[in-house]
């Protein structure tokens, strides 16, 4: 997943959304 930094950012955003 290191070659897809965009995907990593998206995943982080998703996690933040799930936190709500």
Protein backbone atom coordinates (compact mmCIF):
# COMPACT_ATOMS: atom_id res chain seq x y z
CA UNK A 1 0.00 0.00 0.00
CA UNK A 2 3.06 2.19 0.05
CA UNK A 3 2.80 2.76 -3.69
CA UNK A 4 -0.75 4.06 -3.17
CA UNK A 5 -0.53 6.99 -0.75
CA UNK A 6 -3.89 8.22 -2.05
CA UNK A 7 -5.52 4.98 -0.98
CA UNK A 8 -3.97 5.27 2.46
CA UNK A 9 -5.38 8.76 2.88
CA UNK A 10 -8.79 7.54 1.79
CA UNK A 11 -8.68 4.72 4.28
CA UNK A 12 -7.77 7.13 7.05
CA UNK A 13 -10.69 9.36 6.11
CA UNK A 14 -13.00 6.37 6.14
CA UNK A 15 -11.82 5.37 9.59
CA UNK A 16 -12.45 8.86 10.87
CA UNK A 17 -15.94 8.75 9.42
CA UNK A 18 -16.60 5.40 11.06
CA UNK A 19 -15.51 6.85 14.39
CA UNK A 20 -18.49 9.16 14.35
